Amino acid sequence: DHRDLHSFPTRRSSDLTLTDDVPSGPPRRAHHVVRDLAQAKLLSDPLRLRLLQAFAAAPQTTKQVAQRLGERPSRLYPHVDALLQAGLLEQVAVRQKRGAIEKYLQAIAARFEIEG
């Protein structure tokens, strides 16, 4: 039963605010069914699946996730970009820290299921 799926508007970079505290993120779907073949192929990669799980926990930067997973951020950026382009991750806030801009990302849902 997929009645619990809701559609939330996608946030554009221009809609995001620069904040000094860690963002809480927008409301998310509890569950997302992946019906798109391109999205399903992305999730067949174990590292991308681990990334999606990490970003489902809370809004985080790629650097924060890299530290938690014991990976180099430079190894994760291409995978994170692919998940963003596929619409499985979204940028929820930006934060200025010591002159650098941190981008906080979050999975679009807390749980994912691949249909069929």
PDB file of N, CA and C in Angstrom:
ATOM      1  N   ASP A   1       0.843  -1.180   0.000  1.00  0.00           N
ATOM      2  CA  ASP A   1       0.000   0.000   0.000  1.00  0.00           C
ATOM      3  C   ASP A   1       0.885   1.238   0.000  1.00  0.00           C
ATOM      4  N   HIS A   2       0.706   2.113  -0.971  1.00  0.00           N
ATOM      5  CA  HIS A   2       1.568   3.279  -1.132  1.00  0.00           C
ATOM      6  C   HIS A   2       0.840   4.581  -0.821  1.00  0.00           C
ATOM      7  N   ARG A   3      -0.231   4.504  -0.024  1.00  0.00           N
ATOM      8  CA  ARG A   3      -0.993   5.710   0.285  1.00  0.00           C
ATOM      9  C   ARG A   3      -0.222   6.704   1.149  1.00  0.00           C
ATOM     10  N   ASP A   4       0.810   6.232   1.850  1.00  0.00           N
ATOM     11  CA  ASP A   4       1.547   7.125   2.747  1.00  0.00           C
ATOM     12  C   ASP A   4       2.570   7.990   2.015  1.00  0.00           C
ATOM     13  N   LEU A   5       2.729   7.811   0.714  1.00  0.00           N
ATOM     14  CA  LEU A   5       3.688   8.617  -0.040  1.00  0.00           C
ATOM     15  C   LEU A   5       3.118  10.004  -0.292  1.00  0.00           C
ATOM     16  N   HIS A   6       3.925  10.992  -0.027  1.00  0.00           N
ATOM     17  CA  HIS A   6       3.532  12.384  -0.243  1.00  0.00           C
ATOM     18  C   HIS A   6       4.545  13.038  -1.154  1.00  0.00           C
ATOM     19  N   SER A   7       4.113  14.065  -1.826  1.00  0.00           N
ATOM     20  CA  SER A   7       5.016  14.792  -2.703  1.00  0.00           C
ATOM     21  C   SER A   7       5.366  16.119  -2.055  1.00  0.00           C
ATOM     22  N   PHE A   8       6.637  16.353  -1.828  1.00  0.00           N
ATOM     23  CA  PHE A   8       7.103  17.610  -1.269  1.00  0.00           C
ATOM     24  C   PHE A   8       7.762  18.410  -2.369  1.00  0.00           C
ATOM     25  N   PRO A   9       7.613  19.722  -2.364  1.00  0.00           N
ATOM     26  CA  PRO A   9       8.248  20.530  -3.403  1.00  0.00           C
ATOM     27  C   PRO A   9       9.761  20.434  -3.323  1.00  0.00           C
ATOM     28  N   THR A  10      10.386  20.417  -4.473  1.00  0.00           N
ATOM     29  CA  THR A  10      11.838  20.394  -4.529  1.00  0.00           C
ATOM     30  C   THR A  10      12.353  21.788  -4.206  1.00  0.00           C
ATOM     31  N   ARG A  11      13.397  21.857  -3.412  1.00  0.00           N
ATOM     32  CA  ARG A  11      13.972  23.153  -3.035  1.00  0.00           C
ATOM     33  C   ARG A  11      15.080  23.498  -4.010  1.00  0.00           C
ATOM     34  N   ARG A  12      15.055  24.731  -4.482  1.00  0.00           N
ATOM     35  CA  ARG A  12      16.122  25.229  -5.350  1.00  0.00           C
ATOM     36  C   ARG A  12      17.167  25.895  -4.485  1.00  0.00           C
ATOM     37  N   SER A  13      18.387  25.982  -5.003  1.00  0.00           N
ATOM     38  CA  SER A  13      19.473  26.630  -4.261  1.00  0.00           C
ATOM     39  C   SER A  13      19.095  28.044  -3.842  1.00  0.00           C
ATOM     40  N   SER A  14      18.341  28.754  -4.682  1.00  0.00           N
ATOM     41  CA  SER A  14      17.964  30.128  -4.359  1.00  0.00           C
ATOM     42  C   SER A  14      16.980  30.193  -3.185  1.00  0.00           C
ATOM     43  N   ASP A  15      16.300  29.074  -2.879  1.00  0.00           N
ATOM     44  CA  ASP A  15      15.358  29.027  -1.760  1.00  0.00           C
ATOM     45  C   ASP A  15      16.061  28.774  -0.428  1.00  0.00           C
ATOM     46  N   LEU A  16      17.311  28.360  -0.462  1.00  0.00           N
ATOM     47  CA  LEU A  16      18.010  27.962   0.744  1.00  0.00           C
ATOM     48  C   LEU A  16      18.551  29.163   1.481  1.00  0.00           C
ATOM     49  N   THR A  17      18.636  29.025   2.775  1.00  0.00           N
ATOM     50  CA  THR A  17      19.143  30.113   3.585  1.00  0.00           C
ATOM     51  C   THR A  17      20.527  29.790   4.092  1.00  0.00           C
ATOM     52  N   LEU A  18      21.310  30.820   4.306  1.00  0.00           N
ATOM     53  CA  LEU A  18      22.629  30.678   4.905  1.00  0.00           C
ATOM     54  C   LEU A  18      22.423  30.765   6.404  1.00  0.00           C
ATOM     55  N   THR A  19      22.849  29.748   7.118  1.00  0.00           N
ATOM     56  CA  THR A  19      22.575  29.683   8.543  1.00  0.00           C
ATOM     57  C   THR A  19      23.845  29.398   9.320  1.00  0.00           C
ATOM     58  N   ASP A  20      23.851  29.796  10.581  1.00  0.00           N
ATOM     59  CA  ASP A  20      25.002  29.546  11.432  1.00  0.00           C
ATOM     60  C   ASP A  20      24.849  28.282  12.264  1.00  0.00           C
ATOM     61  N   ASP A  21      23.650  27.737  12.340  1.00  0.00           N
ATOM     62  CA  ASP A  21      23.483  26.514  13.109  1.00  0.00           C
ATOM     63  C   ASP A  21      23.153  25.351  12.185  1.00  0.00           C
ATOM     64  N   VAL A  22      23.294  24.153  12.705  1.00  0.00           N
ATOM     65  CA  VAL A  22      23.053  22.958  11.901  1.00  0.00           C
ATOM     66  C   VAL A  22      21.571  22.877  11.572  1.00  0.00           C
ATOM     67  N   PRO A  23      21.228  22.696  10.315  1.00  0.00           N
ATOM     68  CA  PRO A  23      19.827  22.687   9.906  1.00  0.00           C
ATOM     69  C   PRO A  23      19.111  21.425  10.352  1.00  0.00           C
ATOM     70  N   SER A  24      17.808  21.535  10.513  1.00  0.00           N
ATOM     71  CA  SER A  24      17.010  20.363  10.852  1.00  0.00           C
ATOM     72  C   SER A  24      16.467  19.684   9.603  1.00  0.00           C
ATOM     73  N   GLY A  25      16.411  20.380   8.501  1.00  0.00           N
ATOM     74  CA  GLY A  25      15.939  19.803   7.244  1.00  0.00           C
ATOM     75  C   GLY A  25      14.432  19.932   7.089  1.00  0.00           C
ATOM     76  N   PRO A  26      13.955  19.802   5.847  1.00  0.00           N
ATOM     77  CA  PRO A  26      12.527  19.909   5.575  1.00  0.00           C
ATOM     78  C   PRO A  26      11.825  18.603   5.937  1.00  0.00           C
ATOM     79  N   PRO A  27      10.487  18.625   5.990  1.00  0.00           N
ATOM     80  CA  PRO A  27       9.771  17.366   6.210  1.00  0.00           C
ATOM     81  C   PRO A  27      10.077  16.404   5.066  1.00  0.00           C
ATOM     82  N   ARG A  28      10.202  15.135   5.384  1.00  0.00           N
ATOM     83  CA  ARG A  28      10.489  14.137   4.353  1.00  0.00           C
ATOM     84  C   ARG A  28       9.390  13.090   4.322  1.00  0.00           C
ATOM     85  N   ARG A  29       9.361  12.377   3.222  1.00  0.00           N
ATOM     86  CA  ARG A  29       8.467  11.223   3.136  1.00  0.00           C
ATOM     87  C   ARG A  29       9.013  10.138   4.062  1.00  0.00           C
ATOM     88  N   ALA A  30       8.150   9.340   4.597  1.00  0.00           N
ATOM     89  CA  ALA A  30       8.588   8.213   5.413  1.00  0.00           C
ATOM     90  C   ALA A  30       9.128   7.109   4.511  1.00  0.00           C
ATOM     91  N   HIS A  31       8.595   7.043   3.288  1.00  0.00           N
ATOM     92  CA  HIS A  31       8.873   5.913   2.410  1.00  0.00           C
ATOM     93  C   HIS A  31       8.862   6.398   0.959  1.00  0.00           C
ATOM     94  N   HIS A  32       9.799   5.915   0.158  1.00  0.00           N
ATOM     95  CA  HIS A  32       9.838   6.272  -1.266  1.00  0.00           C
ATOM     96  C   HIS A  32      10.016   4.995  -2.068  1.00  0.00           C
ATOM     97  N   VAL A  33       9.146   4.788  -3.034  1.00  0.00           N
ATOM     98  CA  VAL A  33       9.251   3.631  -3.910  1.00  0.00           C
ATOM     99  C   VAL A  33       9.985   4.063  -5.175  1.00  0.00           C
ATOM    100  N   VAL A  34      11.103   3.404  -5.456  1.00  0.00           N
ATOM    101  CA  VAL A  34      11.903   3.705  -6.646  1.00  0.00           C
ATOM    102  C   VAL A  34      11.314   2.912  -7.808  1.00  0.00           C
ATOM    103  N   ARG A  35      10.769   3.650  -8.770  1.00  0.00           N
ATOM    104  CA  ARG A  35      10.186   3.024  -9.956  1.00  0.00           C
ATOM    105  C   ARG A  35      11.022   3.293 -11.205  1.00  0.00           C
ATOM    106  N   ASP A  36      11.891   4.297 -11.124  1.00  0.00           N
ATOM    107  CA  ASP A  36      12.727   4.698 -12.243  1.00  0.00           C
ATOM    108  C   ASP A  36      13.933   3.765 -12.353  1.00  0.00           C
ATOM    109  N   LEU A  37      14.171   3.229 -13.529  1.00  0.00           N
ATOM    110  CA  LEU A  37      15.268   2.286 -13.735  1.00  0.00           C
ATOM    111  C   LEU A  37      16.626   2.925 -13.451  1.00  0.00           C
ATOM    112  N   ALA A  38      16.808   4.196 -13.827  1.00  0.00           N
ATOM    113  CA  ALA A  38      18.088   4.883 -13.580  1.00  0.00           C
ATOM    114  C   ALA A  38      18.353   5.005 -12.079  1.00  0.00           C
ATOM    115  N   GLN A  39      17.316   5.327 -11.305  1.00  0.00           N
ATOM    116  CA  GLN A  39      17.479   5.410  -9.856  1.00  0.00           C
ATOM    117  C   GLN A  39      17.798   4.035  -9.271  1.00  0.00           C
ATOM    118  N   ALA A  40      17.127   3.007  -9.755  1.00  0.00           N
ATOM    119  CA  ALA A  40      17.368   1.645  -9.264  1.00  0.00           C
ATOM    120  C   ALA A  40      18.803   1.216  -9.554  1.00  0.00           C
ATOM    121  N   LYS A  41      19.317   1.558 -10.724  1.00  0.00           N
ATOM    122  CA  LYS A  41      20.704   1.214 -11.071  1.00  0.00           C
ATOM    123  C   LYS A  41      21.679   1.918 -10.136  1.00  0.00           C
ATOM    124  N   LEU A  42      21.399   3.178  -9.808  1.00  0.00           N
ATOM    125  CA  LEU A  42      22.262   3.907  -8.873  1.00  0.00           C
ATOM    126  C   LEU A  42      22.335   3.193  -7.526  1.00  0.00           C
ATOM    127  N   LEU A  43      21.222   2.672  -7.088  1.00  0.00           N
ATOM    128  CA  LEU A  43      21.161   2.034  -5.774  1.00  0.00           C
ATOM    129  C   LEU A  43      21.699   0.614  -5.773  1.00  0.00           C
ATOM    130  N   SER A  44      22.088   0.105  -6.940  1.00  0.00           N
ATOM    131  CA  SER A  44      22.707  -1.219  -6.982  1.00  0.00           C
ATOM    132  C   SER A  44      24.170  -1.152  -6.534  1.00  0.00           C
ATOM    133  N   ASP A  45      24.724   0.047  -6.442  1.00  0.00           N
ATOM    134  CA  ASP A  45      26.093   0.245  -5.971  1.00  0.00           C
ATOM    135  C   ASP A  45      26.081   0.286  -4.439  1.00  0.00           C
ATOM    136  N   PRO A  46      26.804  -0.610  -3.765  1.00  0.00           N
ATOM    137  CA  PRO A  46      26.782  -0.654  -2.300  1.00  0.00           C
ATOM    138  C   PRO A  46      27.198   0.660  -1.633  1.00  0.00           C
ATOM    139  N   LEU A  47      28.167   1.376  -2.200  1.00  0.00           N
ATOM    140  CA  LEU A  47      28.596   2.636  -1.602  1.00  0.00           C
ATOM    141  C   LEU A  47      27.491   3.678  -1.693  1.00  0.00           C
ATOM    142  N   ARG A  48      26.813   3.757  -2.820  1.00  0.00           N
ATOM    143  CA  ARG A  48      25.717   4.724  -2.964  1.00  0.00           C
ATOM    144  C   ARG A  48      24.571   4.388  -2.014  1.00  0.00           C
ATOM    145  N   LEU A  49      24.344   3.120  -1.808  1.00  0.00           N
ATOM    146  CA  LEU A  49      23.314   2.712  -0.862  1.00  0.00           C
ATOM    147  C   LEU A  49      23.691   3.119   0.560  1.00  0.00           C
ATOM    148  N   ARG A  50      24.950   2.952   0.929  1.00  0.00           N
ATOM    149  CA  ARG A  50      25.435   3.382   2.245  1.00  0.00           C
ATOM    150  C   ARG A  50      25.312   4.906   2.399  1.00  0.00           C
ATOM    151  N   LEU A  51      25.631   5.634   1.326  1.00  0.00           N
ATOM    152  CA  LEU A  51      25.502   7.091   1.353  1.00  0.00           C
ATOM    153  C   LEU A  51      24.051   7.505   1.579  1.00  0.00           C
ATOM    154  N   LEU A  52      23.150   6.884   0.857  1.00  0.00           N
ATOM    155  CA  LEU A  52      21.731   7.220   0.996  1.00  0.00           C
ATOM    156  C   LEU A  52      21.254   6.933   2.418  1.00  0.00           C
ATOM    157  N   GLN A  53      21.692   5.824   2.991  1.00  0.00           N
ATOM    158  CA  GLN A  53      21.331   5.502   4.376  1.00  0.00           C
ATOM    159  C   GLN A  53      21.875   6.559   5.336  1.00  0.00           C
ATOM    160  N   ALA A  54      23.095   6.991   5.125  1.00  0.00           N
ATOM    161  CA  ALA A  54      23.698   8.004   6.001  1.00  0.00           C
ATOM    162  C   ALA A  54      22.944   9.325   5.908  1.00  0.00           C
ATOM    163  N   PHE A  55      22.604   9.734   4.695  1.00  0.00           N
ATOM    164  CA  PHE A  55      21.897  11.002   4.512  1.00  0.00           C
ATOM    165  C   PHE A  55      20.429  10.901   4.932  1.00  0.00           C
ATOM    166  N   ALA A  56      19.897   9.698   5.082  1.00  0.00           N
ATOM    167  CA  ALA A  56      18.519   9.538   5.560  1.00  0.00           C
ATOM    168  C   ALA A  56      18.426   9.809   7.059  1.00  0.00           C
ATOM    169  N   ALA A  57      19.545   9.645   7.767  1.00  0.00           N
ATOM    170  CA  ALA A  57      19.545   9.823   9.225  1.00  0.00           C
ATOM    171  C   ALA A  57      19.306  11.266   9.627  1.00  0.00           C
ATOM    172  N   ALA A  58      19.950  12.201   8.922  1.00  0.00           N
ATOM    173  CA  ALA A  58      19.844  13.627   9.260  1.00  0.00           C
ATOM    174  C   ALA A  58      20.550  14.436   8.185  1.00  0.00           C
ATOM    175  N   PRO A  59      20.229  15.736   8.057  1.00  0.00           N
ATOM    176  CA  PRO A  59      20.969  16.572   7.113  1.00  0.00           C
ATOM    177  C   PRO A  59      22.443  16.620   7.508  1.00  0.00           C
ATOM    178  N   GLN A  60      23.322  16.375   6.549  1.00  0.00           N
ATOM    179  CA  GLN A  60      24.756  16.345   6.794  1.00  0.00           C
ATOM    180  C   GLN A  60      25.491  16.831   5.560  1.00  0.00           C
ATOM    181  N   THR A  61      26.751  17.158   5.754  1.00  0.00           N
ATOM    182  CA  THR A  61      27.614  17.487   4.618  1.00  0.00           C
ATOM    183  C   THR A  61      28.270  16.205   4.130  1.00  0.00           C
ATOM    184  N   THR A  62      28.779  16.232   2.920  1.00  0.00           N
ATOM    185  CA  THR A  62      29.495  15.075   2.390  1.00  0.00           C
ATOM    186  C   THR A  62      30.713  14.772   3.245  1.00  0.00           C
ATOM    187  N   LYS A  63      31.375  15.816   3.734  1.00  0.00           N
ATOM    188  CA  LYS A  63      32.549  15.617   4.583  1.00  0.00           C
ATOM    189  C   LYS A  63      32.174  14.890   5.878  1.00  0.00           C
ATOM    190  N   GLN A  64      31.051  15.256   6.485  1.00  0.00           N
ATOM    191  CA  GLN A  64      30.607  14.583   7.709  1.00  0.00           C
ATOM    192  C   GLN A  64      30.301  13.115   7.454  1.00  0.00           C
ATOM    193  N   VAL A  65      29.639  12.825   6.349  1.00  0.00           N
ATOM    194  CA  VAL A  65      29.317  11.439   6.005  1.00  0.00           C
ATOM    195  C   VAL A  65      30.600  10.661   5.724  1.00  0.00           C
ATOM    196  N   ALA A  66      31.543  11.286   5.032  1.00  0.00           N
ATOM    197  CA  ALA A  66      32.817  10.623   4.733  1.00  0.00           C
ATOM    198  C   ALA A  66      33.515  10.211   6.031  1.00  0.00           C
ATOM    199  N   GLN A  67      33.513  11.092   7.021  1.00  0.00           N
ATOM    200  CA  GLN A  67      34.141  10.760   8.303  1.00  0.00           C
ATOM    201  C   GLN A  67      33.441   9.587   8.968  1.00  0.00           C
ATOM    202  N   ARG A  68      32.124   9.574   8.942  1.00  0.00           N
ATOM    203  CA  ARG A  68      31.365   8.482   9.562  1.00  0.00           C
ATOM    204  C   ARG A  68      31.589   7.150   8.854  1.00  0.00           C
ATOM    205  N   LEU A  69      31.749   7.206   7.529  1.00  0.00           N
ATOM    206  CA  LEU A  69      31.934   5.978   6.753  1.00  0.00           C
ATOM    207  C   LEU A  69      33.399   5.577   6.622  1.00  0.00           C
ATOM    208  N   GLY A  70      34.310   6.419   7.105  1.00  0.00           N
ATOM    209  CA  GLY A  70      35.732   6.120   6.978  1.00  0.00           C
ATOM    210  C   GLY A  70      36.239   6.213   5.551  1.00  0.00           C
ATOM    211  N   GLU A  71      35.677   7.131   4.788  1.00  0.00           N
ATOM    212  CA  GLU A  71      36.051   7.330   3.381  1.00  0.00           C
ATOM    213  C   GLU A  71      36.618   8.729   3.195  1.00  0.00           C
ATOM    214  N   ARG A  72      37.323   8.934   2.095  1.00  0.00           N
ATOM    215  CA  ARG A  72      37.789  10.274   1.729  1.00  0.00           C
ATOM    216  C   ARG A  72      36.631  11.017   1.050  1.00  0.00           C
ATOM    217  N   PRO A  73      36.416  12.280   1.414  1.00  0.00           N
ATOM    218  CA  PRO A  73      35.337  13.038   0.763  1.00  0.00           C
ATOM    219  C   PRO A  73      35.476  13.055  -0.760  1.00  0.00           C
ATOM    220  N   SER A  74      36.705  13.145  -1.264  1.00  0.00           N
ATOM    221  CA  SER A  74      36.906  13.197  -2.717  1.00  0.00           C
ATOM    222  C   SER A  74      36.395  11.934  -3.405  1.00  0.00           C
ATOM    223  N   ARG A  75      36.389  10.808  -2.713  1.00  0.00           N
ATOM    224  CA  ARG A  75      35.857   9.562  -3.294  1.00  0.00           C
ATOM    225  C   ARG A  75      34.331   9.599  -3.339  1.00  0.00           C
ATOM    226  N   LEU A  76      33.720  10.329  -2.412  1.00  0.00           N
ATOM    227  CA  LEU A  76      32.261  10.334  -2.316  1.00  0.00           C
ATOM    228  C   LEU A  76      31.571  11.364  -3.207  1.00  0.00           C
ATOM    229  N   TYR A  77      32.260  12.467  -3.529  1.00  0.00           N
ATOM    230  CA  TYR A  77      31.607  13.542  -4.282  1.00  0.00           C
ATOM    231  C   TYR A  77      30.934  13.079  -5.574  1.00  0.00           C
ATOM    232  N   PRO A  78      31.573  12.256  -6.417  1.00  0.00           N
ATOM    233  CA  PRO A  78      30.875  11.833  -7.643  1.00  0.00           C
ATOM    234  C   PRO A  78      29.603  11.025  -7.357  1.00  0.00           C
ATOM    235  N   HIS A  79      29.639  10.206  -6.304  1.00  0.00           N
ATOM    236  CA  HIS A  79      28.474   9.401  -5.939  1.00  0.00           C
ATOM    237  C   HIS A  79      27.357  10.287  -5.382  1.00  0.00           C
ATOM    238  N   VAL A  80      27.723  11.258  -4.563  1.00  0.00           N
ATOM    239  CA  VAL A  80      26.746  12.193  -4.009  1.00  0.00           C
ATOM    240  C   VAL A  80      26.111  13.007  -5.138  1.00  0.00           C
ATOM    241  N   ASP A  81      26.923  13.467  -6.079  1.00  0.00           N
ATOM    242  CA  ASP A  81      26.393  14.220  -7.221  1.00  0.00           C
ATOM    243  C   ASP A  81      25.396  13.379  -8.018  1.00  0.00           C
ATOM    244  N   ALA A  82      25.690  12.096  -8.212  1.00  0.00           N
ATOM    245  CA  ALA A  82      24.787  11.210  -8.951  1.00  0.00           C
ATOM    246  C   ALA A  82      23.454  11.052  -8.212  1.00  0.00           C
ATOM    247  N   LEU A  83      23.513  10.912  -6.887  1.00  0.00           N
ATOM    248  CA  LEU A  83      22.285  10.787  -6.095  1.00  0.00           C
ATOM    249  C   LEU A  83      21.474  12.088  -6.109  1.00  0.00           C
ATOM    250  N   LEU A  84      22.160  13.224  -6.098  1.00  0.00           N
ATOM    251  CA  LEU A  84      21.472  14.517  -6.207  1.00  0.00           C
ATOM    252  C   LEU A  84      20.789  14.655  -7.561  1.00  0.00           C
ATOM    253  N   GLN A  85      21.504  14.345  -8.623  1.00  0.00           N
ATOM    254  CA  GLN A  85      20.945  14.474  -9.972  1.00  0.00           C
ATOM    255  C   GLN A  85      19.762  13.534 -10.190  1.00  0.00           C
ATOM    256  N   ALA A  86      19.789  12.372  -9.531  1.00  0.00           N
ATOM    257  CA  ALA A  86      18.704  11.407  -9.668  1.00  0.00           C
ATOM    258  C   ALA A  86      17.486  11.786  -8.827  1.00  0.00           C
ATOM    259  N   GLY A  87      17.644  12.801  -7.955  1.00  0.00           N
ATOM    260  CA  GLY A  87      16.527  13.236  -7.126  1.00  0.00           C
ATOM    261  C   GLY A  87      16.341  12.436  -5.852  1.00  0.00           C
ATOM    262  N   LEU A  88      17.336  11.636  -5.470  1.00  0.00           N
ATOM    263  CA  LEU A  88      17.239  10.843  -4.245  1.00  0.00           C
ATOM    264  C   LEU A  88      17.778  11.598  -3.025  1.00  0.00           C
ATOM    265  N   LEU A  89      18.628  12.586  -3.276  1.00  0.00           N
ATOM    266  CA  LEU A  89      19.129  13.496  -2.240  1.00  0.00           C
ATOM    267  C   LEU A  89      18.706  14.900  -2.634  1.00  0.00           C
ATOM    268  N   GLU A  90      18.583  15.758  -1.624  1.00  0.00           N
ATOM    269  CA  GLU A  90      18.340  17.160  -1.918  1.00  0.00           C
ATOM    270  C   GLU A  90      19.165  18.024  -0.975  1.00  0.00           C
ATOM    271  N   GLN A  91      19.549  19.173  -1.479  1.00  0.00           N
ATOM    272  CA  GLN A  91      20.278  20.145  -0.663  1.00  0.00           C
ATOM    273  C   GLN A  91      19.245  20.894   0.160  1.00  0.00           C
ATOM    274  N   VAL A  92      19.434  20.896   1.492  1.00  0.00           N
ATOM    275  CA  VAL A  92      18.430  21.507   2.363  1.00  0.00           C
ATOM    276  C   VAL A  92      18.889  22.804   3.004  1.00  0.00           C
ATOM    277  N   ALA A  93      20.189  23.037   3.057  1.00  0.00           N
ATOM    278  CA  ALA A  93      20.691  24.281   3.653  1.00  0.00           C
ATOM    279  C   ALA A  93      22.155  24.464   3.303  1.00  0.00           C
ATOM    280  N   VAL A  94      22.605  25.694   3.450  1.00  0.00           N
ATOM    281  CA  VAL A  94      24.033  25.995   3.332  1.00  0.00           C
ATOM    282  C   VAL A  94      24.429  26.745   4.595  1.00  0.00           C
ATOM    283  N   ARG A  95      25.675  26.559   4.997  1.00  0.00           N
ATOM    284  CA  ARG A  95      26.173  27.166   6.230  1.00  0.00           C
ATOM    285  C   ARG A  95      27.575  27.675   5.983  1.00  0.00           C
ATOM    286  N   GLN A  96      27.846  28.862   6.455  1.00  0.00           N
ATOM    287  CA  GLN A  96      29.193  29.396   6.321  1.00  0.00           C
ATOM    288  C   GLN A  96      29.996  29.001   7.557  1.00  0.00           C
ATOM    289  N   LYS A  97      31.162  28.411   7.317  1.00  0.00           N
ATOM    290  CA  LYS A  97      32.025  27.988   8.416  1.00  0.00           C
ATOM    291  C   LYS A  97      33.451  28.358   8.068  1.00  0.00           C
ATOM    292  N   ARG A  98      34.016  29.290   8.820  1.00  0.00           N
ATOM    293  CA  ARG A  98      35.392  29.758   8.618  1.00  0.00           C
ATOM    294  C   ARG A  98      35.672  30.148   7.161  1.00  0.00           C
ATOM    295  N   GLY A  99      34.744  30.852   6.588  1.00  0.00           N
ATOM    296  CA  GLY A  99      34.933  31.340   5.227  1.00  0.00           C
ATOM    297  C   GLY A  99      34.533  30.363   4.138  1.00  0.00           C
ATOM    298  N   ALA A 100      34.299  29.106   4.488  1.00  0.00           N
ATOM    299  CA  ALA A 100      33.886  28.102   3.501  1.00  0.00           C
ATOM    300  C   ALA A 100      32.368  27.920   3.584  1.00  0.00           C
ATOM    301  N   ILE A 101      31.773  27.494   2.498  1.00  0.00           N
ATOM    302  CA  ILE A 101      30.342  27.230   2.457  1.00  0.00           C
ATOM    303  C   ILE A 101      30.139  25.721   2.538  1.00  0.00           C
ATOM    304  N   GLU A 102      29.378  25.288   3.558  1.00  0.00           N
ATOM    305  CA  GLU A 102      29.047  23.873   3.706  1.00  0.00           C
ATOM    306  C   GLU A 102      27.640  23.651   3.166  1.00  0.00           C
ATOM    307  N   LYS A 103      27.474  22.608   2.380  1.00  0.00           N
ATOM    308  CA  LYS A 103      26.163  22.271   1.831  1.00  0.00           C
ATOM    309  C   LYS A 103      25.629  21.050   2.571  1.00  0.00           C
ATOM    310  N   TYR A 104      24.456  21.221   3.179  1.00  0.00           N
ATOM    311  CA  TYR A 104      23.820  20.129   3.905  1.00  0.00           C
ATOM    312  C   TYR A 104      22.835  19.420   2.988  1.00  0.00           C
ATOM    313  N   LEU A 105      22.952  18.105   2.946  1.00  0.00           N
ATOM    314  CA  LEU A 105      22.128  17.275   2.087  1.00  0.00           C
ATOM    315  C   LEU A 105      21.306  16.324   2.943  1.00  0.00           C
ATOM    316  N   GLN A 106      20.179  15.895   2.388  1.00  0.00           N
ATOM    317  CA  GLN A 106      19.331  14.944   3.082  1.00  0.00           C
ATOM    318  C   GLN A 106      18.657  14.051   2.044  1.00  0.00           C
ATOM    319  N   ALA A 107      18.454  12.788   2.392  1.00  0.00           N
ATOM    320  CA  ALA A 107      17.703  11.879   1.530  1.00  0.00           C
ATOM    321  C   ALA A 107      16.254  12.353   1.469  1.00  0.00           C
ATOM    322  N   ILE A 108      15.591  12.101   0.359  1.00  0.00           N
ATOM    323  CA  ILE A 108      14.205  12.566   0.198  1.00  0.00           C
ATOM    324  C   ILE A 108      13.226  11.766   1.044  1.00  0.00           C
ATOM    325  N   ALA A 109      13.674  10.617   1.560  1.00  0.00           N
ATOM    326  CA  ALA A 109      12.808   9.776   2.393  1.00  0.00           C
ATOM    327  C   ALA A 109      13.649   9.072   3.448  1.00  0.00           C
ATOM    328  N   ALA A 110      12.979   8.585   4.463  1.00  0.00           N
ATOM    329  CA  ALA A 110      13.674   7.847   5.510  1.00  0.00           C
ATOM    330  C   ALA A 110      13.924   6.395   5.100  1.00  0.00           C
ATOM    331  N   ARG A 111      13.084   5.877   4.197  1.00  0.00           N
ATOM    332  CA  ARG A 111      13.202   4.484   3.769  1.00  0.00           C
ATOM    333  C   ARG A 111      12.924   4.393   2.271  1.00  0.00           C
ATOM    334  N   PHE A 112      13.677   3.518   1.594  1.00  0.00           N
ATOM    335  CA  PHE A 112      13.527   3.358   0.151  1.00  0.00           C
ATOM    336  C   PHE A 112      13.218   1.894  -0.170  1.00  0.00           C
ATOM    337  N   GLU A 113      12.426   1.721  -1.230  1.00  0.00           N
ATOM    338  CA  GLU A 113      12.082   0.378  -1.709  1.00  0.00           C
ATOM    339  C   GLU A 113      12.140   0.417  -3.229  1.00  0.00           C
ATOM    340  N   ILE A 114      12.750  -0.595  -3.817  1.00  0.00           N
ATOM    341  CA  ILE A 114      12.791  -0.681  -5.280  1.00  0.00           C
ATOM    342  C   ILE A 114      11.650  -1.571  -5.738  1.00  0.00           C
ATOM    343  N   GLU A 115      10.804  -1.017  -6.601  1.00  0.00           N
ATOM    344  CA  GLU A 115       9.629  -1.755  -7.082  1.00  0.00           C
ATOM    345  C   GLU A 115      10.051  -2.825  -8.086  1.00  0.00           C
ATOM    346  N   GLY A 116       9.471  -3.992  -7.912  1.00  0.00           N
ATOM    347  CA  GLY A 116       9.649  -5.101  -8.855  1.00  0.00           C
ATOM    348  C   GLY A 116      11.057  -5.459  -9.071  1.00  0.00           C
TER     349      GLY A 116
END
